[in-house]
Amino acid sequence: MAQFATQTLNCKNPLLLLEDTPWGKSNNNTMLKAFGDIKPQVKWFNWNTKINNAKLILHKIKNTPAECILFVGNAIEGAVYKCDGKFCQI
């Protein structure tokens, strides 16, 4: 994911959107290593995130310098964030 974001998408300022669980923290550690010198921002979300909370998180992200979002979560939360590979609906 890190390689695709930086090389294919030319994303110089990534943001990780990760589940606030031990699994998400493990993903954070792995992805930080994969990004090397690039230090992505990290936003955390909880299990069973509902649409209103997802909108708040995305609005906060919209006000950051992030050029791309790398989401790692379960399908249930992925459906709430409604990202289609290019854009997240807000």
Protein backbone atom coordinates (compact mmCIF):
# COMPACT_ATOMS: atom_id res chain seq x y z
CA MET A 1 0.00 0.00 0.00
CA ALA A 2 2.76 2.42 0.93
CA GLN A 3 4.65 1.74 -2.29
CA PHE A 4 1.50 2.14 -4.41
CA ALA A 5 0.61 5.41 -2.66
CA THR A 6 4.04 6.95 -3.02
CA GLN A 7 5.13 5.60 -6.39
CA THR A 8 1.95 5.09 -8.41
CA LEU A 9 -0.18 7.87 -6.91
CA ASN A 10 2.83 10.11 -6.18
CA CYS A 11 1.36 10.82 -2.75
CA LYS A 12 3.87 12.80 -0.73
CA ASN A 13 1.64 13.41 2.29
CA PRO A 14 -0.32 10.24 3.14
CA LEU A 15 -2.78 9.79 5.95
CA LEU A 16 -3.46 6.43 7.58
CA LEU A 17 -7.06 5.86 8.66
CA LEU A 18 -6.81 2.92 11.04
CA GLU A 19 -8.97 0.96 13.42
CA ASP A 20 -8.23 1.78 17.07
CA THR A 21 -7.52 -1.81 18.10
CA PRO A 22 -4.37 -3.91 18.60
CA TRP A 23 -4.75 -4.98 14.94
CA GLY A 24 -4.86 -1.34 13.82
CA LYS A 25 -1.83 -0.48 15.98
CA SER A 26 0.04 -3.39 14.39
CA ASN A 27 -0.91 -2.07 10.94
CA ASN A 28 0.34 1.36 12.00
CA ASN A 29 3.76 -0.02 12.98
CA THR A 30 4.06 -2.02 9.76
CA MET A 31 2.99 0.86 7.53
CA LEU A 32 5.26 3.39 9.23
CA LYS A 33 8.19 1.08 8.47
CA ALA A 34 7.00 0.67 4.87
CA PHE A 35 6.86 4.44 4.35
CA GLY A 36 10.46 4.86 5.54
CA ASP A 37 11.40 8.55 5.58
CA ILE A 38 7.82 9.67 4.84
CA LYS A 39 5.90 10.14 8.08
CA PRO A 40 2.16 9.78 7.41
CA GLN A 41 -0.46 11.37 9.60
CA VAL A 42 -2.61 8.86 11.48
CA LYS A 43 -6.31 9.10 12.33
CA TRP A 44 -8.02 6.41 14.38
CA PHE A 45 -11.60 5.17 14.30
CA ASN A 46 -13.50 2.77 16.54
CA TRP A 47 -15.27 -0.44 15.67
CA ASN A 48 -18.83 -0.06 14.46
CA THR A 49 -18.32 3.54 13.34
CA LYS A 50 -21.62 5.08 12.27
CA ILE A 51 -22.10 7.46 9.37
CA ASN A 52 -22.20 10.67 11.45
CA ASN A 53 -18.91 9.87 13.16
CA ALA A 54 -17.35 8.86 9.84
CA LYS A 55 -18.41 12.21 8.37
CA LEU A 56 -16.78 14.05 11.29
CA ILE A 57 -13.55 12.14 10.81
CA LEU A 58 -13.53 12.79 7.05
CA HIS A 59 -14.25 16.50 7.56
CA LYS A 60 -11.26 16.69 9.91
CA ILE A 61 -9.12 14.88 7.33
CA LYS A 62 -10.30 17.27 4.63
CA ASN A 63 -8.74 20.11 6.64
CA THR A 64 -5.31 18.42 6.75
CA PRO A 65 -2.59 18.52 4.09
CA ALA A 66 -3.16 14.81 3.32
CA GLU A 67 -2.95 13.96 -0.37
CA CYS A 68 -4.20 10.38 -0.02
CA ILE A 69 -5.92 8.23 2.59
CA LEU A 70 -4.89 4.65 3.26
CA PHE A 71 -7.79 2.93 5.03
CA VAL A 72 -7.22 -0.31 6.91
CA GLY A 73 -10.33 -1.64 8.57
CA ASN A 74 -13.14 -4.13 8.38
CA ALA A 75 -15.72 -4.23 5.62
CA ILE A 76 -18.41 -2.85 7.93
CA GLU A 77 -16.44 0.37 8.51
CA GLY A 78 -15.27 0.47 4.89
CA ALA A 79 -18.90 0.58 3.78
CA VAL A 80 -19.57 3.50 6.12
CA TYR A 81 -16.66 5.53 4.75
CA LYS A 82 -17.80 4.78 1.16
CA CYS A 83 -14.44 5.20 -0.51
CA ASP A 84 -14.40 4.11 -4.13
CA GLY A 85 -10.65 4.03 -4.68
CA LYS A 86 -10.45 7.70 -5.62
CA PHE A 87 -12.76 9.71 -3.44
CA CYS A 88 -14.41 9.39 -0.05
CA GLN A 89 -17.90 10.81 0.16
CA ILE A 90 -18.37 13.44 2.83
